[in-house]
C-alpha atoms as a PDB file:
ATOM      1  CA  MET A   1       0.000   0.000   0.000  1.00  0.00           C
ATOM      2  CA  ILE A   2       1.026   3.600  -0.663  1.00  0.00           C
ATOM      3  CA  SER A   3       0.390   6.495   1.716  1.00  0.00           C
ATOM      4  CA  ILE A   4      -0.217   9.858   0.023  1.00  0.00           C
ATOM      5  CA  VAL A   5      -0.301  13.038   2.098  1.00  0.00           C
ATOM      6  CA  ILE A   6      -1.606  16.494   1.209  1.00  0.00           C
ATOM      7  CA  THR A   7      -0.560  19.208   3.667  1.00  0.00           C
ATOM      8  CA  ALA A   8      -2.697  22.335   3.654  1.00  0.00           C
ATOM      9  CA  PHE A   9      -3.598  25.443   5.619  1.00  0.00           C
ATOM     10  CA  LYS A  10      -6.868  27.170   4.728  1.00  0.00           C
ATOM     11  CA  GLU A  11      -6.296  26.507   1.030  1.00  0.00           C
ATOM     12  CA  PRO A  12      -9.276  27.635  -1.080  1.00  0.00           C
ATOM     13  CA  LEU A  13      -8.145  25.403  -3.963  1.00  0.00           C
ATOM     14  CA  VAL A  14      -7.346  22.284  -1.935  1.00  0.00           C
ATOM     15  CA  TYR A  15     -10.157  20.473  -3.752  1.00  0.00           C
ATOM     16  CA  ARG A  16      -7.996  20.588  -6.913  1.00  0.00           C
ATOM     17  CA  ALA A  17      -5.154  18.837  -5.118  1.00  0.00           C
ATOM     18  CA  ILE A  18      -7.536  16.206  -3.746  1.00  0.00           C
ATOM     19  CA  GLU A  19      -9.341  15.496  -7.022  1.00  0.00           C
ATOM     20  CA  ALA A  20      -6.105  15.405  -9.023  1.00  0.00           C
ATOM     21  CA  ILE A  21      -5.175  12.359  -6.925  1.00  0.00           C
ATOM     22  CA  LEU A  22      -8.584  10.708  -6.495  1.00  0.00           C
ATOM     23  CA  PHE A  23      -9.272  10.843 -10.244  1.00  0.00           C
ATOM     24  CA  GLN A  24      -5.989   9.158 -11.195  1.00  0.00           C
ATOM     25  CA  LYS A  25      -5.817   5.456 -11.973  1.00  0.00           C
ATOM     26  CA  ILE A  26      -3.269   4.537  -9.328  1.00  0.00           C
ATOM     27  CA  LYS A  27      -2.087   0.958  -9.768  1.00  0.00           C
ATOM     28  CA  ASP A  28      -1.344   0.333  -6.075  1.00  0.00           C
ATOM     29  CA  ASP A  29      -3.756   0.403  -3.173  1.00  0.00           C
ATOM     30  CA  TYR A  30      -3.407   3.697  -1.355  1.00  0.00           C
ATOM     31  CA  ASP A  31      -4.759   5.883   1.390  1.00  0.00           C
ATOM     32  CA  LEU A  32      -4.951   9.651   0.976  1.00  0.00           C
ATOM     33  CA  VAL A  33      -4.419  11.730   4.101  1.00  0.00           C
ATOM     34  CA  VAL A  34      -5.243  15.439   4.078  1.00  0.00           C
ATOM     35  CA  ALA A  35      -3.465  17.182   6.963  1.00  0.00           C
ATOM     36  CA  ALA A  36      -4.692  20.644   7.912  1.00  0.00           C
ATOM     37  CA  PRO A  37      -5.519  22.660  11.045  1.00  0.00           C
ATOM     38  CA  ASP A  38      -8.675  24.362   9.774  1.00  0.00           C
ATOM     39  CA  LYS A  39     -12.314  23.330  10.040  1.00  0.00           C
ATOM     40  CA  GLU A  40     -13.103  24.178   6.405  1.00  0.00           C
ATOM     41  CA  THR A  41     -10.658  21.590   5.064  1.00  0.00           C
ATOM     42  CA  GLU A  42     -11.901  18.995   7.546  1.00  0.00           C
ATOM     43  CA  GLU A  43     -15.487  19.497   6.388  1.00  0.00           C
ATOM     44  CA  LEU A  44     -14.429  19.221   2.743  1.00  0.00           C
ATOM     45  CA  VAL A  45     -12.600  15.933   3.354  1.00  0.00           C
ATOM     46  CA  THR A  46     -15.623  14.606   5.245  1.00  0.00           C
ATOM     47  CA  GLU A  47     -17.731  15.198   2.135  1.00  0.00           C
ATOM     48  CA  TYR A  48     -15.218  13.446  -0.140  1.00  0.00           C
ATOM     49  CA  ARG A  49     -15.067  10.483   2.241  1.00  0.00           C
ATOM     50  CA  LYS A  50     -18.749   9.757   1.640  1.00  0.00           C
ATOM     51  CA  LYS A  51     -17.766   8.609  -1.851  1.00  0.00           C
ATOM     52  CA  TYR A  52     -14.038   7.861  -1.575  1.00  0.00           C
ATOM     53  CA  LYS A  53     -13.221   5.668   1.426  1.00  0.00           C
ATOM     54  CA  GLN A  54      -9.474   5.909   0.821  1.00  0.00           C
ATOM     55  CA  ILE A  55      -9.406   9.561   1.919  1.00  0.00           C
ATOM     56  CA  ARG A  56      -9.244  10.696   5.536  1.00  0.00           C
ATOM     57  CA  PHE A  57      -8.510  13.847   7.503  1.00  0.00           C
ATOM     58  CA  PHE A  58      -5.606  14.395   9.903  1.00  0.00           C
ATOM     59  CA  LYS A  59      -5.937  17.234  12.396  1.00  0.00           C
ATOM     60  CA  ASP A  60      -2.787  19.319  12.134  1.00  0.00           C
ATOM     61  CA  PRO A  61      -2.174  21.213  15.414  1.00  0.00           C
ATOM     62  CA  GLY A  62      -1.153  24.273  13.387  1.00  0.00           C
ATOM     63  CA  LYS A  63       2.433  24.497  14.620  1.00  0.00           C
ATOM     64  CA  GLY A  64       4.079  24.253  11.216  1.00  0.00           C
ATOM     65  CA  LYS A  65       4.524  21.780   8.394  1.00  0.00           C
ATOM     66  CA  SER A  66       7.519  19.893   9.783  1.00  0.00           C
ATOM     67  CA  PHE A  67       5.834  19.592  13.178  1.00  0.00           C
ATOM     68  CA  ALA A  68       2.783  18.063  11.491  1.00  0.00           C
ATOM     69  CA  LEU A  69       4.933  15.703   9.422  1.00  0.00           C
ATOM     70  CA  ASN A  70       6.587  14.309  12.539  1.00  0.00           C
ATOM     71  CA  LEU A  71       3.143  13.433  13.889  1.00  0.00           C
ATOM     72  CA  LEU A  72       2.114  11.892  10.576  1.00  0.00           C
ATOM     73  CA  PHE A  73       5.224   9.715  10.415  1.00  0.00           C
ATOM     74  CA  LYS A  74       3.861   7.813  13.429  1.00  0.00           C
ATOM     75  CA  GLU A  75       0.559   7.048  11.698  1.00  0.00           C
ATOM     76  CA  LEU A  76       1.311   6.310   8.041  1.00  0.00           C
ATOM     77  CA  LYS A  77       1.278   2.617   7.110  1.00  0.00           C
ATOM     78  CA  GLY A  78       2.242   2.543   3.437  1.00  0.00           C
ATOM     79  CA  LYS A  79       5.494   1.054   2.205  1.00  0.00           C
ATOM     80  CA  ILE A  80       6.061   4.286   0.260  1.00  0.00           C
ATOM     81  CA  TRP A  81       5.073   7.755   1.471  1.00  0.00           C
ATOM     82  CA  ILE A  82       4.327  10.486  -1.072  1.00  0.00           C
ATOM     83  CA  PHE A  83       3.858  14.123  -0.067  1.00  0.00           C
ATOM     84  CA  THR A  84       2.360  17.101  -1.852  1.00  0.00           C
ATOM     85  CA  ASP A  85       0.741  20.429  -0.946  1.00  0.00           C
ATOM     86  CA  GLY A  86      -2.820  21.678  -0.940  1.00  0.00           C
ATOM     87  CA  ASP A  87      -2.115  24.682  -3.162  1.00  0.00           C
ATOM     88  CA  VAL A  88      -0.777  22.656  -6.114  1.00  0.00           C
ATOM     89  CA  PHE A  89      -2.153  19.860  -8.283  1.00  0.00           C
ATOM     90  CA  LEU A  90      -0.609  16.764  -9.835  1.00  0.00           C
ATOM     91  CA  ASP A  91      -0.606  15.830 -13.485  1.00  0.00           C
ATOM     92  CA  ASN A  92      -2.481  12.683 -14.459  1.00  0.00           C
ATOM     93  CA  GLY A  93      -0.258   9.664 -13.892  1.00  0.00           C
ATOM     94  CA  ALA A  94       2.130  11.493 -11.571  1.00  0.00           C
ATOM     95  CA  ILE A  95       1.640   9.072  -8.667  1.00  0.00           C
ATOM     96  CA  ASN A  96       2.351   6.025 -10.845  1.00  0.00           C
ATOM     97  CA  GLU A  97       5.486   7.728 -12.188  1.00  0.00           C
ATOM     98  CA  MET A  98       6.672   8.282  -8.617  1.00  0.00           C
ATOM     99  CA  ILE A  99       5.925   4.679  -7.641  1.00  0.00           C
ATOM    100  CA  ASN A 100       7.760   3.313 -10.693  1.00  0.00           C
ATOM    101  CA  MET A 101      10.987   4.944  -9.549  1.00  0.00           C
ATOM    102  CA  PHE A 102      11.009   2.800  -6.408  1.00  0.00           C
ATOM    103  CA  LYS A 103      11.319  -0.374  -8.475  1.00  0.00           C
ATOM    104  CA  ASP A 104      15.030   0.414  -8.255  1.00  0.00           C
ATOM    105  CA  GLU A 105      15.933  -0.822  -4.772  1.00  0.00           C
ATOM    106  CA  LYS A 106      18.859   1.612  -4.652  1.00  0.00           C
ATOM    107  CA  ILE A 107      16.523   4.614  -4.760  1.00  0.00           C
ATOM    108  CA  GLY A 108      15.337   5.744  -1.344  1.00  0.00           C
ATOM    109  CA  CYS A 109      13.785   9.119  -2.074  1.00  0.00           C
ATOM    110  CA  VAL A 110      12.193  10.563  -5.235  1.00  0.00           C
ATOM    111  CA  CYS A 111      11.429  14.100  -6.388  1.00  0.00           C
ATOM    112  CA  GLY A 112       8.751  15.059  -8.911  1.00  0.00           C
ATOM    113  CA  ARG A 113       9.059  17.785 -11.535  1.00  0.00           C
ATOM    114  CA  VAL A 114       7.768  21.247 -10.659  1.00  0.00           C
ATOM    115  CA  MET A 115       5.877  23.044 -13.434  1.00  0.00           C
ATOM    116  CA  CYS A 116       4.977  26.733 -13.261  1.00  0.00           C
ATOM    117  CA  GLU A 117       1.238  27.240 -13.763  1.00  0.00           C
ATOM    118  CA  ASN A 118       1.546  30.980 -14.462  1.00  0.00           C
ATOM    119  CA  PRO A 119       1.625  32.014 -18.159  1.00  0.00           C
ATOM    120  CA  ARG A 120       5.008  32.811 -19.682  1.00  0.00           C
ATOM    121  CA  TYR A 121       3.822  36.136 -21.130  1.00  0.00           C
ATOM    122  CA  THR A 122       3.649  37.666 -17.622  1.00  0.00           C
ATOM    123  CA  LEU A 123       6.715  38.807 -15.663  1.00  0.00           C
ATOM    124  CA  PHE A 124       6.202  36.499 -12.684  1.00  0.00           C
ATOM    125  CA  GLY A 125       5.126  33.660 -14.935  1.00  0.00           C
ATOM    126  CA  TYR A 126       8.334  34.021 -16.928  1.00  0.00           C
ATOM    127  CA  TRP A 127      10.420  34.124 -13.755  1.00  0.00           C
ATOM    128  CA  GLY A 128       8.647  31.036 -12.417  1.00  0.00           C
ATOM    129  CA  ARG A 129       9.137  29.080 -15.622  1.00  0.00           C
ATOM    130  CA  LEU A 130      12.776  30.070 -15.954  1.00  0.00           C
ATOM    131  CA  LEU A 131      13.548  28.952 -12.399  1.00  0.00           C
ATOM    132  CA  ALA A 132      11.516  25.738 -12.771  1.00  0.00           C
ATOM    133  CA  ASP A 133      12.530  24.702 -16.307  1.00  0.00           C
ATOM    134  CA  ALA A 134      16.006  26.057 -16.920  1.00  0.00           C
ATOM    135  CA  GLY A 135      16.859  25.992 -13.227  1.00  0.00           C
ATOM    136  CA  ALA A 136      15.482  23.240 -10.987  1.00  0.00           C
ATOM    137  CA  HIS A 137      14.608  20.747 -13.746  1.00  0.00           C
ATOM    138  CA  ARG A 138      17.953  21.063 -15.491  1.00  0.00           C
ATOM    139  CA  VAL A 139      19.895  20.756 -12.235  1.00  0.00           C
ATOM    140  CA  ARG A 140      17.954  17.780 -10.867  1.00  0.00           C
ATOM    141  CA  LYS A 141      18.012  15.900 -14.154  1.00  0.00           C
ATOM    142  CA  ASP A 142      21.769  16.342 -14.450  1.00  0.00           C
ATOM    143  CA  LEU A 143      22.443  15.368 -10.832  1.00  0.00           C
ATOM    144  CA  PHE A 144      20.278  12.250 -11.095  1.00  0.00           C
ATOM    145  CA  ARG A 145      21.938  11.225 -14.359  1.00  0.00           C
ATOM    146  CA  HIS A 146      25.296  11.301 -12.592  1.00  0.00           C
ATOM    147  CA  ARG A 147      23.841   9.679  -9.437  1.00  0.00           C
ATOM    148  CA  GLN A 148      24.780  12.687  -7.347  1.00  0.00           C
ATOM    149  CA  PHE A 149      22.864  14.125  -4.411  1.00  0.00           C
ATOM    150  CA  LEU A 150      19.867  16.296  -5.232  1.00  0.00           C
ATOM    151  CA  GLU A 151      17.428  18.200  -3.066  1.00  0.00           C
ATOM    152  CA  CYS A 152      13.745  17.452  -3.520  1.00  0.00           C
ATOM    153  CA  SER A 153      10.751  19.746  -3.815  1.00  0.00           C
ATOM    154  CA  GLY A 154       8.113  19.750  -1.097  1.00  0.00           C
ATOM    155  CA  TYR A 155       5.515  20.215  -3.830  1.00  0.00           C
ATOM    156  CA  LEU A 156       5.951  16.535  -4.747  1.00  0.00           C
ATOM    157  CA  PHE A 157       8.363  14.034  -3.265  1.00  0.00           C
ATOM    158  CA  GLY A 158       8.276  10.589  -1.713  1.00  0.00           C
ATOM    159  CA  PHE A 159      10.428   8.107   0.142  1.00  0.00           C
ATOM    160  CA  ARG A 160      10.510   4.575   1.481  1.00  0.00           C
ATOM    161  CA  ASN A 161       8.984   3.730   4.831  1.00  0.00           C
ATOM    162  CA  ASN A 162      11.925   1.654   5.971  1.00  0.00           C
ATOM    163  CA  GLY A 163      12.983   3.257   9.245  1.00  0.00           C
ATOM    164  CA  VAL A 164      15.396   5.816   7.808  1.00  0.00           C
ATOM    165  CA  ILE A 165      12.996   8.659   8.613  1.00  0.00           C
ATOM    166  CA  LYS A 166      11.332   8.647  12.012  1.00  0.00           C
ATOM    167  CA  GLU A 167      11.511  12.339  12.851  1.00  0.00           C
ATOM    168  CA  ILE A 168      12.958  15.470  11.243  1.00  0.00           C
ATOM    169  CA  PRO A 169      14.183  18.807  12.642  1.00  0.00           C
ATOM    170  CA  VAL A 170      11.514  21.508  12.507  1.00  0.00           C
ATOM    171  CA  ASP A 171      13.860  24.406  11.709  1.00  0.00           C
ATOM    172  CA  VAL A 172      15.101  23.239   8.291  1.00  0.00           C
ATOM    173  CA  ALA A 173      13.551  22.421   4.907  1.00  0.00           C
ATOM    174  CA  GLU A 174      12.006  18.950   5.034  1.00  0.00           C
ATOM    175  CA  ASP A 175      12.544  18.455   1.299  1.00  0.00           C
ATOM    176  CA  SER A 176      16.296  18.876   1.791  1.00  0.00           C
ATOM    177  CA  ILE A 177      17.011  17.095   5.076  1.00  0.00           C
ATOM    178  CA  ILE A 178      14.973  13.960   4.240  1.00  0.00           C
ATOM    179  CA  PRO A 179      16.829  13.141   0.988  1.00  0.00           C
ATOM    180  CA  TYR A 180      20.083  13.881   2.826  1.00  0.00           C
ATOM    181  CA  PHE A 181      19.291  11.252   5.480  1.00  0.00           C
ATOM    182  CA  PHE A 182      18.650   8.686   2.737  1.00  0.00           C
ATOM    183  CA  TRP A 183      21.804   9.748   0.902  1.00  0.00           C
ATOM    184  CA  LYS A 184      23.887   9.161   4.041  1.00  0.00           C
ATOM    185  CA  LYS A 185      22.450   5.646   4.252  1.00  0.00           C
ATOM    186  CA  GLY A 186      23.767   4.903   0.769  1.00  0.00           C
ATOM    187  CA  TYR A 187      20.569   5.404  -1.222  1.00  0.00           C
ATOM    188  CA  THR A 188      20.247   7.202  -4.551  1.00  0.00           C
ATOM    189  CA  ILE A 189      17.911  10.200  -4.768  1.00  0.00           C
ATOM    190  CA  GLY A 190      15.691   9.791  -7.828  1.00  0.00           C
ATOM    191  CA  TYR A 191      14.174  12.373 -10.133  1.00  0.00           C
ATOM    192  CA  ALA A 192      10.846  11.438 -11.742  1.00  0.00           C
ATOM    193  CA  GLU A 193      10.720  14.074 -14.469  1.00  0.00           C
ATOM    194  CA  ASP A 194       7.426  12.723 -15.830  1.00  0.00           C
ATOM    195  CA  ALA A 195       5.732  13.096 -12.432  1.00  0.00           C
ATOM    196  CA  ARG A 196       4.650  16.683 -12.896  1.00  0.00           C
ATOM    197  CA  VAL A 197       3.186  18.967 -10.271  1.00  0.00           C
ATOM    198  CA  PHE A 198       1.706  22.323 -11.261  1.00  0.00           C
ATOM    199  CA  VAL A 199       2.438  25.272  -8.997  1.00  0.00           C
ATOM    200  CA  LYS A 200       1.045  28.792  -9.096  1.00  0.00           C
ATOM    201  CA  ASN A 201       3.741  31.356  -8.366  1.00  0.00           C
ATOM    202  CA  PRO A 202       3.123  34.703  -6.627  1.00  0.00           C
ATOM    203  CA  THR A 203       1.951  37.526  -8.884  1.00  0.00           C
ATOM    204  CA  ASN A 204       3.391  40.496  -7.005  1.00  0.00           C
ATOM    205  CA  LEU A 205       6.908  41.328  -5.860  1.00  0.00           C
ATOM    206  CA  HIS A 206       6.116  41.368  -2.138  1.00  0.00           C
ATOM    207  CA  ASP A 207       4.745  37.811  -2.129  1.00  0.00           C
ATOM    208  CA  TRP A 208       7.437  36.603  -4.538  1.00  0.00           C
ATOM    209  CA  LEU A 209      10.264  37.877  -2.342  1.00  0.00           C
ATOM    210  CA  LYS A 210       8.649  36.544   0.834  1.00  0.00           C
ATOM    211  CA  GLN A 211       8.248  33.072  -0.658  1.00  0.00           C
ATOM    212  CA  ARG A 212      11.723  32.842  -2.206  1.00  0.00           C
ATOM    213  CA  LYS A 213      13.403  34.316   0.843  1.00  0.00           C
ATOM    214  CA  ARG A 214      11.671  31.841   3.134  1.00  0.00           C
ATOM    215  CA  THR A 215      12.744  28.961   0.893  1.00  0.00           C
ATOM    216  CA  ALA A 216      16.378  30.102   0.946  1.00  0.00           C
ATOM    217  CA  ASP A 217      16.207  30.774   4.689  1.00  0.00           C
ATOM    218  CA  ALA A 218      15.057  27.204   5.378  1.00  0.00           C
ATOM    219  CA  HIS A 219      18.432  26.000   4.050  1.00  0.00           C
ATOM    220  CA  THR A 220      20.601  28.136   6.317  1.00  0.00           C
ATOM    221  CA  LYS A 221      20.507  25.737   9.292  1.00  0.00           C
ATOM    222  CA  LEU A 222      21.074  22.502   7.396  1.00  0.00           C
ATOM    223  CA  THR A 223      24.713  22.239   8.441  1.00  0.00           C
ATOM    224  CA  LYS A 224      23.553  22.279  12.070  1.00  0.00           C
ATOM    225  CA  TYR A 225      22.273  18.726  11.496  1.00  0.00           C
ATOM    226  CA  ALA A 226      24.325  17.828   8.430  1.00  0.00           C
ATOM    227  CA  PRO A 227      27.832  19.370   8.525  1.00  0.00           C
ATOM    228  CA  ASP A 228      28.716  17.800   5.173  1.00  0.00           C
ATOM    229  CA  PHE A 229      25.437  18.721   3.472  1.00  0.00           C
ATOM    230  CA  PRO A 230      26.103  19.026  -0.305  1.00  0.00           C
ATOM    231  CA  LYS A 231      24.378  22.362  -0.879  1.00  0.00           C
ATOM    232  CA  VAL A 232      22.644  22.856  -4.196  1.00  0.00           C
ATOM    233  CA  LYS A 233      20.549  25.930  -3.363  1.00  0.00           C
ATOM    234  CA  SER A 234      23.007  28.659  -2.391  1.00  0.00           C
ATOM    235  CA  PHE A 235      24.070  32.152  -3.421  1.00  0.00           C
ATOM    236  CA  LYS A 236      27.468  30.821  -4.493  1.00  0.00           C
ATOM    237  CA  ASN A 237      25.930  28.227  -6.809  1.00  0.00           C
ATOM    238  CA  GLU A 238      23.593  30.788  -8.333  1.00  0.00           C
ATOM    239  CA  VAL A 239      26.473  33.132  -9.117  1.00  0.00           C
ATOM    240  CA  PHE A 240      29.036  30.629 -10.392  1.00  0.00           C
ATOM    241  CA  LYS A 241      26.752  27.993 -11.951  1.00  0.00           C
ATOM    242  CA  GLY A 242      23.374  29.587 -12.569  1.00  0.00           C
ATOM    243  CA  MET A 243      24.732  32.322 -14.819  1.00  0.00           C
ATOM    244  CA  GLN A 244      25.886  29.675 -17.282  1.00  0.00           C
ATOM    245  CA  TRP A 245      22.374  28.639 -18.289  1.00  0.00           C
ATOM    246  CA  ILE A 246      19.836  31.429 -17.675  1.00  0.00           C
ATOM    247  CA  TRP A 247      20.824  33.439 -20.747  1.00  0.00           C
ATOM    248  CA  GLY A 248      19.763  30.647 -23.069  1.00  0.00           C
ATOM    249  CA  TYR A 249      16.169  30.784 -21.825  1.00  0.00           C
ATOM    250  CA  PRO A 250      14.815  34.148 -23.096  1.00  0.00           C
ATOM    251  CA  ARG A 251      13.265  34.101 -26.581  1.00  0.00           C
ATOM    252  CA  THR A 252      12.579  37.820 -27.033  1.00  0.00           C
ATOM    253  CA  VAL A 253      14.130  41.156 -26.112  1.00  0.00           C
ATOM    254  CA  LYS A 254      11.450  41.605 -23.452  1.00  0.00           C
ATOM    255  CA  GLU A 255      12.314  38.263 -21.880  1.00  0.00           C
ATOM    256  CA  PHE A 256      16.005  39.186 -21.929  1.00  0.00           C
ATOM    257  CA  PHE A 257      15.282  42.281 -19.834  1.00  0.00           C
ATOM    258  CA  TRP A 258      13.013  40.245 -17.574  1.00  0.00           C
ATOM    259  CA  THR A 259      15.981  37.916 -17.028  1.00  0.00           C
ATOM    260  CA  LEU A 260      18.176  40.877 -16.089  1.00  0.00           C
ATOM    261  CA  ALA A 261      15.502  41.981 -13.630  1.00  0.00           C
ATOM    262  CA  LEU A 262      15.377  38.489 -12.114  1.00  0.00           C
ATOM    263  CA  VAL A 263      19.138  38.526 -11.529  1.00  0.00           C
ATOM    264  CA  ALA A 264      18.831  41.867  -9.727  1.00  0.00           C
ATOM    265  CA  VAL A 265      15.887  40.744  -7.598  1.00  0.00           C
ATOM    266  CA  ARG A 266      17.571  37.456  -6.656  1.00  0.00           C
ATOM    267  CA  LEU A 267      20.665  39.408  -5.603  1.00  0.00           C
ATOM    268  CA  TYR A 268      18.502  41.675  -3.463  1.00  0.00           C
ATOM    269  CA  MET A 269      16.824  38.614  -1.923  1.00  0.00           C
ATOM    270  CA  TRP A 270      20.148  37.038  -0.934  1.00  0.00           C
ATOM    271  CA  LEU A 271      21.488  40.328   0.477  1.00  0.00           C
ATOM    272  CA  SER A 272      18.284  40.840   2.456  1.00  0.00           C
ATOM    273  CA  LEU A 273      18.520  37.320   3.853  1.00  0.00           C
ATOM    274  CA  PHE A 274      22.172  37.865   4.803  1.00  0.00           C
ATOM    275  CA  TYR A 275      21.223  41.074   6.625  1.00  0.00           C
ATOM    276  CA  ASP A 276      18.415  39.333   8.522  1.00  0.00           C
ATOM    277  CA  LEU A 277      20.641  36.468   9.613  1.00  0.00           C
ATOM    278  CA  LYS A 278      23.767  38.432  10.512  1.00  0.00           C
ATOM    279  CA  PHE A 279      22.422  41.673  11.913  1.00  0.00           C
ATOM    280  CA  ARG A 280      18.786  41.135  12.858  1.00  0.00           C
ATOM    281  CA  ARG A 281      19.372  37.581  14.128  1.00  0.00           C
ATOM    282  CA  LYS A 282      16.168  36.610  12.409  1.00  0.00           C
ATOM    283  CA  GLY A 283      16.066  33.092  11.005  1.00  0.00           C
ATOM    284  CA  TYR A 284      13.730  30.399   9.726  1.00  0.00           C
ATOM    285  CA  VAL A 285      10.896  29.290  11.996  1.00  0.00           C
ATOM    286  CA  ASP A 286       8.603  26.384  11.166  1.00  0.00           C
ATOM    287  CA  GLY A 287       5.086  27.670  10.614  1.00  0.00           C
ATOM    288  CA  TRP A 288       2.368  28.249   8.044  1.00  0.00           C
ATOM    289  CA  GLU A 289       2.780  31.406   5.942  1.00  0.00           C
ATOM    290  CA  ARG A 290       0.467  32.286   3.083  1.00  0.00           C
ATOM    291  CA  SER A 291       1.313  34.033  -0.166  1.00  0.00           C
ATOM    292  CA  GLU A 292      -2.081  35.513  -0.898  1.00  0.00           C
ATOM    293  CA  SER A 293      -1.504  36.089  -4.613  1.00  0.00           C
ATOM    294  CA  THR A 294      -1.092  32.333  -5.176  1.00  0.00           C
ATOM    295  CA  LYS A 295      -4.581  31.635  -3.813  1.00  0.00           C
ATOM    296  CA  LYS A 296      -6.508  33.550  -6.470  1.00  0.00           C
END
């Protein structure tokens, strides 16, 4: 059996995430757990359960995603655990693509492919697609091809229920520390590029910066638990490796200038994060934070 988990917090579009899984023809038996702290999501799941007995609700205490995951780890029964979020939706067949990767006994953890839902003809849609297609996809595909360590995406990833993961730290990114723990046990981290998950990116600069900064911030404490953590997401890698590929992505003059703007904004984001960590002593805290422009 497979255990599939959707984590959510007052997500108005969580029904899309639920139906994208329920309507798939998943070849293995599975249970679908929707973890959320709010009453609205609980009531929605209760309605789905009248027709789909494989779905159930888990009451998240509302203390953050990693905190909730640690509670879930004690309850899930499947031989493979797959995690996704309530504000995204999976492509048809994505679950089967994830499961297929685990036929290789050397693979302990698998990451799906993030797709930007926003249209390319908008500024934030272009930024999202550049970072997802020319950035994350290219990097993960290359790392997996060479059987090197890769960080997963919390939007869609899964791993074996074999005792490697019993609990995770709550002050780091779960999609980075979990694959690291499997990597240290000698497992390969897989990349299921045909398991696509569609993500809506923020549509204003305030939300975009808040989301990206929080993602980068969640990586700053990894060495506290993993001194030899092979960092993929870092300012250094963006400067010395990222610049080699981003200029091949724009198709028009407008997109070229949008790429220049992205470089400037990413630099500002990293400098702002450095200032917060070094001078304001303000770091990552596990908790639910909403980017309102992604909910519309």
